Amino acid sequence: MKNIIVILLGLVVLQSCKKDTAALTEVIEKEIEVKPVIIEEFGYILNNYKVIKDTIESGESFGEILERNHVDFPEIYKIAAAAKDTFDIRKLRAGKPYMILAKQDTTEKAQVFIYQPNKVEYLIVDFTDSVQTTFGRKKVKTVVKSASGIIESSLSEAIGSQDLNYILALEMADIYAWTIDFHHLQKGDNFKLIYEEKFIDDTTSVGIGNITAAYFEHKNHPIYAFNFITDSVKKVNDYYDENAKTLRRKFLKSPIKFSRVSSRYNLRRRIKHYGYKVRPHKGTDFAANIGTPIRSTANGTVTESRYKGANGNYVKIKHNSTYSTQYLHMKKRAVKRGDYVKQGDIIGYVGMTGSTAGPHVCYRFWKNGRQVDPFREKLPTAEPIKENLIDDYFIFIAPLKEQIDSIPTQVIETAIVLN
């Protein structure tokens, strides 16, 4: 009898446990019920629409896109007319992304057109009720980064091997345009950078900002560059070295220290010896005694050093991707092809070789592959930092120099988020 009572009690307890377990399971299921994720973009809750994402096809029009998304042509005309004062819909560019927000009912009719001409900016044409056109910009976060590298073959290769933005190579070439010939880098040259990179959505890069500081060691010669604002009102800034000297170089006005101009650049020059026929003179002649030293008018690399016909002994120097200079009729050349020369270095001596009536150097000036008159060109300036800003400059660069000196080679690191 006792055994039967124990069994009955056990069944009652078991049944009670099942009820409690079922109740607990029901509670847990209610607590972990997953709520739909709200997706918001461009100020719209995308959950409320049928979302179509695509890119503009070549030759595709705004009207074709809307018609394909169930907007009748008369309404398309009204939308286009209403939006034209804000945005010319004919300027949609092939390959750029767009988004259509359409009704979720059976009509699937478009309500909003969102166009992205670039990664940061966007255009919204909302025609849910009346037509409203809005321009917007995504929030951009600026991150300060550092990078370094060693040249094995070229700067672009060193930048690319670390998956850095190629724009950095172009920016560096511009910063050091007057101090380094990037076509003649040496293996083992190295660089360090502190620069800004801009991001949207935390991970999508939308470009390079300022290079705040740079260091380039070329032929065992270190060259610092610090970006310093010299006029905050006009937003004027430039790069200067650790001694507050500008990296940009003016051309010397003459390749000879003491001389006179005996013949100027003249495309309509007539010479008695040739029957007064027009014989263009594309150089500027500086008269001087035979043997007078001839100087390079700016830093650069010797691309030609030889004797040739009417030019006689001459030297040609490439200063950067824009400017080259040439020096003719030398008695003797003092440099050879491939040499790197600095502004003021002696490259040869005045002579009378080639076609010339007297001792002089014919100075020729090339811009983008074309000979021009250097005295009429608006050449790069090299204004020094004003005296009243010198102390501010050294205070400004002190932490930057310490930071860039501490960067090891071939390391990329994020330093700080600016905004």
Protein backbone atom coordinates (compact mmCIF):
# COMPACT_ATOMS: atom_id res chain seq x y z
CA MET A 1 0.00 0.00 0.00
CA LYS A 2 2.85 2.35 0.90
CA ASN A 3 4.51 1.63 -2.47
CA ILE A 4 1.35 2.64 -4.33
CA ILE A 5 1.16 5.92 -2.40
CA VAL A 6 4.83 6.72 -3.23
CA ILE A 7 4.24 6.06 -6.91
CA LEU A 8 1.14 8.30 -6.96
CA LEU A 9 3.04 11.11 -5.24
CA GLY A 10 5.86 10.77 -7.77
CA LEU A 11 3.43 11.05 -10.67
CA VAL A 12 1.91 14.18 -9.17
CA VAL A 13 5.35 15.79 -8.70
CA LEU A 14 6.40 14.84 -12.24
CA GLN A 15 3.25 16.34 -13.72
CA SER A 16 3.80 19.51 -11.73
CA CYS A 17 7.39 19.77 -13.00
CA LYS A 18 6.23 19.41 -16.61
CA LYS A 19 3.75 22.26 -16.13
CA ASP A 20 6.45 24.46 -14.56
CA THR A 21 8.92 23.63 -17.36
CA ALA A 22 6.33 24.42 -20.03
CA ALA A 23 5.55 27.73 -18.34
CA LEU A 24 9.24 28.59 -18.06
CA THR A 25 9.85 27.73 -21.72
CA GLU A 26 6.96 30.00 -22.72
CA VAL A 27 8.42 32.87 -20.68
CA ILE A 28 11.90 32.41 -22.20
CA GLU A 29 10.48 32.33 -25.73
CA LYS A 30 8.65 35.58 -25.09
CA GLU A 31 11.79 37.20 -23.67
CA ILE A 32 14.02 36.22 -26.60
CA GLU A 33 11.52 37.14 -29.27
CA VAL A 34 13.64 38.88 -31.94
CA LYS A 35 12.56 42.36 -32.91
CA PRO A 36 13.12 43.43 -36.53
CA VAL A 37 16.28 45.50 -37.07
CA ILE A 38 15.48 49.07 -38.05
CA ILE A 39 17.60 50.09 -41.04
CA GLU A 40 17.91 53.84 -41.55
CA GLU A 41 19.83 55.56 -44.34
CA PHE A 42 19.70 59.04 -45.85
CA GLY A 43 17.07 59.93 -43.24
CA TYR A 44 14.63 57.20 -44.33
CA ILE A 45 13.64 53.99 -42.54
CA LEU A 46 14.28 51.49 -45.31
CA ASN A 47 12.05 48.86 -43.65
CA ASN A 48 9.05 50.89 -44.81
CA TYR A 49 9.93 50.61 -48.50
CA LYS A 50 10.85 48.22 -51.21
CA VAL A 51 14.50 49.16 -51.76
CA ILE A 52 16.08 48.94 -55.22
CA LYS A 53 19.82 49.64 -55.50
CA ASP A 54 21.56 49.97 -58.85
CA THR A 55 24.03 52.06 -60.85
CA ILE A 56 23.45 54.49 -63.71
CA GLU A 57 23.96 52.75 -67.05
CA SER A 58 25.65 54.49 -69.95
CA GLY A 59 23.04 56.61 -71.76
CA GLU A 60 20.38 55.89 -69.14
CA SER A 61 18.12 58.81 -68.19
CA PHE A 62 16.30 59.84 -65.05
CA GLY A 63 12.99 59.31 -66.85
CA GLU A 64 13.86 55.76 -67.88
CA ILE A 65 14.74 54.84 -64.31
CA LEU A 66 11.47 56.18 -62.90
CA GLU A 67 9.36 54.68 -65.69
CA ARG A 68 10.94 51.30 -65.02
CA ASN A 69 9.86 51.73 -61.40
CA HIS A 70 6.19 52.33 -62.25
CA VAL A 71 6.04 56.13 -62.43
CA ASP A 72 3.94 57.36 -65.37
CA PHE A 73 5.55 59.68 -67.90
CA PRO A 74 3.30 62.73 -67.18
CA GLU A 75 4.33 62.51 -63.51
CA ILE A 76 7.99 62.08 -64.47
CA TYR A 77 7.79 65.32 -66.45
CA LYS A 78 6.36 67.17 -63.42
CA ILE A 79 9.06 65.75 -61.13
CA ALA A 80 11.83 66.75 -63.54
CA ALA A 81 10.39 70.27 -63.97
CA ALA A 82 10.07 70.78 -60.21
CA ALA A 83 13.61 69.56 -59.52
CA LYS A 84 15.43 71.42 -62.30
CA ASP A 85 16.03 74.60 -60.26
CA THR A 86 17.99 72.54 -57.72
CA PHE A 87 19.57 69.82 -59.83
CA ASP A 88 19.95 69.18 -63.54
CA ILE A 89 18.81 65.57 -63.88
CA ARG A 90 20.65 65.35 -67.21
CA LYS A 91 23.92 65.31 -65.25
CA LEU A 92 23.53 61.78 -63.95
CA ARG A 93 26.86 60.07 -64.58
CA ALA A 94 27.24 56.49 -65.74
CA GLY A 95 28.60 54.12 -63.11
CA LYS A 96 27.34 56.13 -60.14
CA PRO A 97 25.05 54.39 -57.62
CA TYR A 98 21.42 55.24 -56.97
CA MET A 99 18.62 53.95 -54.74
CA ILE A 100 14.88 53.79 -55.36
CA LEU A 101 12.49 53.68 -52.39
CA ALA A 102 9.21 52.23 -53.63
CA LYS A 103 5.86 51.35 -52.11
CA GLN A 104 5.55 47.92 -50.57
CA ASP A 105 2.09 47.37 -52.05
CA THR A 106 1.28 45.69 -55.35
CA THR A 107 2.05 48.84 -57.37
CA GLU A 108 5.70 48.97 -56.19
CA LYS A 109 5.67 52.58 -57.37
CA ALA A 110 8.81 54.63 -56.74
CA GLN A 111 8.51 57.34 -54.09
CA VAL A 112 12.09 58.53 -53.60
CA PHE A 113 15.15 58.70 -55.87
CA ILE A 114 18.59 58.96 -54.16
CA TYR A 115 21.69 59.59 -56.30
CA GLN A 116 25.32 59.50 -55.12
CA PRO A 117 27.73 61.47 -57.38
CA ASN A 118 30.55 60.52 -55.00
CA LYS A 119 31.07 58.65 -51.74
CA VAL A 120 30.35 61.67 -49.55
CA GLU A 121 27.61 63.69 -51.27
CA TYR A 122 24.11 62.59 -52.20
CA LEU A 123 20.97 63.99 -53.84
CA ILE A 124 17.43 63.11 -52.75
CA VAL A 125 14.40 63.67 -54.99
CA ASP A 126 11.34 62.87 -52.88
CA PHE A 127 8.05 62.85 -54.79
CA THR A 128 5.89 61.03 -52.24
CA ASP A 129 3.52 64.00 -52.16
CA SER A 130 5.03 67.21 -53.52
CA VAL A 131 8.49 67.18 -55.12
CA GLN A 132 11.31 68.01 -52.70
CA THR A 133 14.97 68.03 -53.71
CA THR A 134 17.69 67.89 -51.07
CA PHE A 135 21.49 67.81 -51.17
CA GLY A 136 23.30 66.13 -48.31
CA ARG A 137 26.72 65.01 -47.13
CA LYS A 138 27.57 61.95 -45.13
CA LYS A 139 29.48 62.51 -41.90
CA VAL A 140 33.20 62.32 -42.59
CA LYS A 141 35.62 61.20 -39.89
CA THR A 142 39.24 62.32 -40.15
CA VAL A 143 41.86 59.93 -38.83
CA VAL A 144 45.53 60.83 -38.41
CA LYS A 145 47.79 58.00 -39.57
CA SER A 146 51.49 57.36 -39.85
CA ALA A 147 53.31 55.32 -42.46
CA SER A 148 56.84 54.60 -43.57
CA GLY A 149 58.63 52.66 -46.26
CA ILE A 150 61.92 51.76 -47.92
CA ILE A 151 62.47 52.29 -51.64
CA GLU A 152 63.29 49.10 -53.53
CA SER A 153 62.52 50.32 -57.04
CA SER A 154 60.17 53.32 -56.95
CA LEU A 155 58.04 55.39 -54.59
CA SER A 156 54.79 54.12 -56.11
CA GLU A 157 55.93 50.52 -55.60
CA ALA A 158 56.80 51.23 -51.96
CA ILE A 159 53.39 52.84 -51.41
CA GLY A 160 51.51 50.06 -53.20
CA SER A 161 53.30 47.23 -51.39
CA GLN A 162 51.71 48.42 -48.15
CA ASP A 163 48.23 48.99 -49.62
CA LEU A 164 48.52 52.70 -48.97
CA ASN A 165 46.52 55.21 -50.99
CA TYR A 166 48.41 56.03 -54.21
CA ILE A 167 47.54 59.72 -53.72
CA LEU A 168 50.23 59.75 -51.01
CA ALA A 169 52.88 59.17 -53.68
CA LEU A 170 51.54 62.08 -55.75
CA GLU A 171 51.39 64.37 -52.72
CA MET A 172 54.95 63.50 -51.70
CA ALA A 173 56.19 64.12 -55.23
CA ASP A 174 54.63 67.58 -55.06
CA ILE A 175 56.01 68.39 -51.59
CA TYR A 176 59.55 67.42 -52.59
CA ALA A 177 59.33 68.52 -56.24
CA TRP A 178 62.20 71.02 -55.81
CA THR A 179 64.46 68.93 -53.60
CA ILE A 180 64.19 65.32 -54.87
CA ASP A 181 64.14 63.85 -58.37
CA PHE A 182 61.71 60.97 -57.96
CA HIS A 183 62.75 59.50 -61.30
CA HIS A 184 66.20 58.81 -59.87
CA LEU A 185 65.57 57.44 -56.39
CA GLN A 186 68.11 55.02 -54.99
CA LYS A 187 67.47 51.63 -53.44
CA GLY A 188 67.50 52.16 -49.69
CA ASP A 189 66.01 55.66 -49.78
CA ASN A 190 63.26 55.78 -47.17
CA PHE A 191 60.34 57.91 -46.05
CA LYS A 192 58.03 58.52 -43.09
CA LEU A 193 54.67 60.27 -43.08
CA ILE A 194 52.07 61.69 -40.73
CA TYR A 195 48.91 62.26 -42.73
CA GLU A 196 45.13 62.51 -42.59
CA GLU A 197 42.73 59.99 -44.12
CA LYS A 198 39.00 60.59 -44.33
CA PHE A 199 36.36 57.91 -43.71
CA ILE A 200 32.60 57.52 -43.87
CA ASP A 201 30.79 54.75 -42.00
CA ASP A 202 34.05 54.24 -40.05
CA THR A 203 35.52 51.90 -42.65
CA THR A 204 35.08 53.40 -46.14
CA SER A 205 37.98 55.64 -47.13
CA VAL A 206 36.99 58.73 -49.10
CA GLY A 207 40.40 60.23 -49.65
CA ILE A 208 43.59 61.66 -48.22
CA GLY A 209 43.64 64.95 -46.33
CA ASN A 210 46.77 66.93 -45.46
CA ILE A 211 50.20 65.42 -45.09
CA THR A 212 51.04 67.05 -41.77
CA ALA A 213 54.69 66.05 -41.67
CA ALA A 214 57.06 64.09 -43.88
CA TYR A 215 60.60 62.79 -43.81
CA PHE A 216 62.49 61.57 -46.86
CA GLU A 217 66.04 60.25 -46.78
CA HIS A 218 67.49 60.50 -50.29
CA LYS A 219 71.10 59.53 -51.00
CA ASN A 220 71.69 59.48 -47.22
CA HIS A 221 70.48 63.07 -46.95
CA PRO A 222 67.42 63.55 -44.69
CA ILE A 223 64.83 66.15 -45.69
CA TYR A 224 61.99 67.06 -43.32
CA ALA A 225 58.76 68.75 -44.41
CA PHE A 226 56.17 70.29 -42.10
CA ASN A 227 52.89 71.77 -43.28
CA PHE A 228 52.54 75.18 -41.65
CA ILE A 229 49.79 77.80 -42.05
CA THR A 230 51.36 81.22 -42.63
CA ASP A 231 48.10 83.14 -43.13
CA SER A 232 45.00 81.79 -41.39
CA VAL A 233 42.74 84.42 -43.00
CA LYS A 234 43.75 83.67 -46.59
CA LYS A 235 44.34 80.00 -45.69
CA VAL A 236 47.90 80.08 -47.04
CA ASN A 237 50.12 77.17 -46.10
CA ASP A 238 53.32 75.58 -47.35
CA TYR A 239 55.98 73.05 -46.41
CA TYR A 240 59.14 74.01 -44.56
CA ASP A 241 62.07 72.01 -43.21
CA GLU A 242 63.30 71.65 -39.60
CA ASN A 243 65.17 74.95 -39.96
CA ALA A 244 62.09 76.87 -41.17
CA LYS A 245 63.44 76.98 -44.75
CA THR A 246 60.94 76.57 -47.58
CA LEU A 247 61.15 73.40 -49.67
CA ARG A 248 60.13 75.32 -52.77
CA ARG A 249 62.94 76.92 -54.75
CA LYS A 250 63.05 80.03 -56.85
CA PHE A 251 65.04 79.79 -60.05
CA LEU A 252 68.18 81.88 -60.08
CA LYS A 253 67.69 84.83 -62.40
CA SER A 254 70.97 84.06 -64.15
CA PRO A 255 73.19 80.99 -64.54
CA ILE A 256 76.22 83.29 -64.20
CA LYS A 257 76.91 85.37 -61.09
CA PHE A 258 78.16 88.48 -62.86
CA SER A 259 77.04 88.93 -66.44
CA ARG A 260 74.80 90.88 -68.78
CA VAL A 261 72.00 89.78 -71.10
CA SER A 262 73.36 90.10 -74.63
CA SER A 263 70.32 88.68 -76.42
CA ARG A 264 66.82 87.97 -75.13
CA TYR A 265 64.25 85.31 -76.00
CA ASN A 266 62.73 86.51 -79.30
CA LEU A 267 60.61 84.42 -81.67
CA ARG A 268 60.76 87.14 -84.39
CA ARG A 269 64.47 87.90 -84.29
CA ARG A 270 66.08 88.87 -87.63
CA ILE A 271 69.81 88.42 -88.23
CA LYS A 272 71.82 90.32 -90.85
CA HIS A 273 74.09 87.33 -91.46
CA TYR A 274 71.03 85.30 -92.62
CA GLY A 275 69.65 88.05 -94.84
CA TYR A 276 67.41 89.45 -92.09
CA LYS A 277 65.21 86.37 -92.24
CA VAL A 278 63.24 85.52 -89.13
CA ARG A 279 65.34 83.16 -87.04
CA PRO A 280 63.60 82.58 -83.67
CA HIS A 281 65.88 82.78 -80.65
CA LYS A 282 64.39 80.53 -77.97
CA GLY A 283 67.05 81.21 -75.38
CA THR A 284 68.48 84.06 -73.34
CA ASP A 285 72.17 84.84 -73.89
CA PHE A 286 74.34 85.86 -70.94
CA ALA A 287 77.70 87.30 -72.06
CA ALA A 288 80.76 86.52 -69.96
CA ASN A 289 84.48 85.83 -70.27
CA ILE A 290 85.62 82.39 -71.37
CA GLY A 291 86.03 80.13 -68.38
CA THR A 292 83.41 81.89 -66.23
CA PRO A 293 81.58 79.26 -64.08
CA ILE A 294 78.01 78.40 -65.14
CA ARG A 295 75.58 77.51 -62.31
CA SER A 296 72.46 75.38 -62.25
CA THR A 297 69.54 77.74 -61.65
CA ALA A 298 67.64 75.16 -59.53
CA ASN A 299 67.97 71.68 -58.05
CA GLY A 300 67.62 68.83 -60.54
CA THR A 301 69.08 65.85 -62.38
CA VAL A 302 71.31 66.11 -65.43
CA THR A 303 69.51 64.46 -68.36
CA GLU A 304 71.99 65.45 -71.11
CA SER A 305 75.67 66.39 -71.07
CA ARG A 306 77.31 66.26 -74.50
CA TYR A 307 78.50 68.05 -77.65
CA LYS A 308 76.00 68.50 -80.48
CA GLY A 309 76.19 70.66 -83.60
CA ALA A 310 75.25 74.31 -83.17
CA ASN A 311 74.69 73.82 -79.43
CA GLY A 312 78.34 72.95 -78.87
CA ASN A 313 79.02 71.59 -75.39
CA TYR A 314 75.78 71.76 -73.43
CA VAL A 315 74.06 70.48 -70.31
CA LYS A 316 70.33 69.93 -69.80
CA ILE A 317 68.81 69.57 -66.32
CA LYS A 318 65.36 68.30 -65.34
CA HIS A 319 64.12 70.07 -62.21
CA ASN A 320 60.75 68.35 -61.84
CA SER A 321 57.89 67.07 -64.00
CA THR A 322 57.25 70.61 -65.28
CA TYR A 323 60.55 72.49 -65.65
CA SER A 324 63.90 71.83 -67.34
CA THR A 325 66.79 74.14 -68.22
CA GLN A 326 69.55 73.95 -70.84
CA TYR A 327 72.98 75.63 -71.01
CA LEU A 328 74.74 75.93 -74.41
CA HIS A 329 78.19 76.75 -75.90
CA MET A 330 80.25 75.65 -72.91
CA LYS A 331 84.02 75.47 -73.10
CA LYS A 332 83.93 72.54 -70.70
CA ARG A 333 81.21 70.54 -68.98
CA ALA A 334 81.55 69.83 -65.24
CA VAL A 335 78.76 67.27 -64.80
CA LYS A 336 77.68 64.08 -66.49
CA ARG A 337 74.31 62.52 -67.32
CA GLY A 338 72.57 61.21 -64.18
CA ASP A 339 74.27 63.60 -61.76
CA TYR A 340 72.05 65.31 -59.20
CA VAL A 341 72.87 68.99 -58.83
CA LYS A 342 71.72 71.64 -56.40
CA GLN A 343 70.86 75.23 -57.12
CA GLY A 344 74.10 77.17 -57.58
CA ASP A 345 76.29 74.14 -58.32
CA ILE A 346 78.85 74.67 -61.12
CA ILE A 347 77.87 72.58 -64.15
CA GLY A 348 80.32 73.99 -66.73
CA TYR A 349 82.29 76.98 -67.98
CA VAL A 350 81.55 79.70 -70.54
CA GLY A 351 82.98 79.05 -73.99
CA MET A 352 82.39 79.52 -77.73
CA THR A 353 81.65 75.98 -78.90
CA GLY A 354 79.03 75.36 -81.56
CA SER A 355 77.44 78.23 -83.49
CA THR A 356 78.30 81.45 -81.65
CA ALA A 357 79.90 84.81 -82.43
CA GLY A 358 81.25 85.47 -78.95
CA PRO A 359 81.71 83.97 -75.48
CA HIS A 360 78.39 83.51 -73.72
CA VAL A 361 75.98 80.90 -72.35
CA CYS A 362 72.65 80.47 -74.11
CA TYR A 363 70.19 79.71 -71.33
CA ARG A 364 67.06 77.83 -72.44
CA PHE A 365 64.03 77.30 -70.26
CA TRP A 366 61.55 74.45 -70.81
CA LYS A 367 58.03 74.22 -69.37
CA ASN A 368 56.00 71.06 -70.05
CA GLY A 369 58.33 70.19 -72.93
CA ARG A 370 58.09 73.61 -74.63
CA GLN A 371 60.71 76.36 -74.65
CA VAL A 372 59.47 79.58 -73.04
CA ASP A 373 60.84 82.94 -71.93
CA PRO A 374 61.82 82.56 -68.22
CA PHE A 375 61.47 86.30 -67.67
CA ARG A 376 57.81 86.18 -68.69
CA GLU A 377 56.89 83.04 -66.77
CA LYS A 378 55.09 83.22 -63.42
CA LEU A 379 57.50 80.91 -61.65
CA PRO A 380 57.00 79.22 -58.26
CA THR A 381 57.66 81.49 -55.32
CA ALA A 382 59.78 80.57 -52.33
CA GLU A 383 58.74 83.05 -49.71
CA PRO A 384 60.36 82.46 -46.30
CA ILE A 385 58.36 82.33 -43.08
CA LYS A 386 57.87 85.82 -41.68
CA GLU A 387 60.09 86.68 -38.75
CA ASN A 388 57.12 87.10 -36.39
CA LEU A 389 56.05 83.48 -37.10
CA ILE A 390 59.40 81.76 -36.63
CA ASP A 391 58.95 81.06 -32.90
CA ASP A 392 55.42 79.77 -33.51
CA TYR A 393 56.75 77.50 -36.24
CA PHE A 394 59.35 75.83 -34.04
CA ILE A 395 56.79 75.32 -31.26
CA PHE A 396 54.41 73.80 -33.83
CA ILE A 397 56.88 71.32 -35.32
CA ALA A 398 58.56 70.17 -32.09
CA PRO A 399 56.03 67.39 -31.24
CA LEU A 400 55.65 66.48 -34.92
CA LYS A 401 59.39 66.01 -35.37
CA GLU A 402 59.56 63.88 -32.24
CA GLN A 403 56.65 61.77 -33.50
CA ILE A 404 57.99 61.29 -37.01
CA ASP A 405 61.47 60.44 -35.72
CA SER A 406 59.93 57.68 -33.59
CA ILE A 407 58.14 55.99 -36.53
CA PRO A 408 59.84 52.70 -37.47
CA THR A 409 60.14 51.79 -41.14
CA GLN A 410 57.25 50.14 -43.00
CA VAL A 411 54.68 50.45 -40.23
CA ILE A 412 51.16 51.90 -40.55
CA GLU A 413 49.29 52.98 -37.48
CA THR A 414 46.22 55.03 -36.63
CA ALA A 415 47.06 57.77 -34.15
CA ILE A 416 43.91 59.73 -33.36
CA VAL A 417 40.41 60.44 -34.63
CA LEU A 418 39.98 64.17 -35.22
CA ASN A 419 36.22 64.30 -35.75
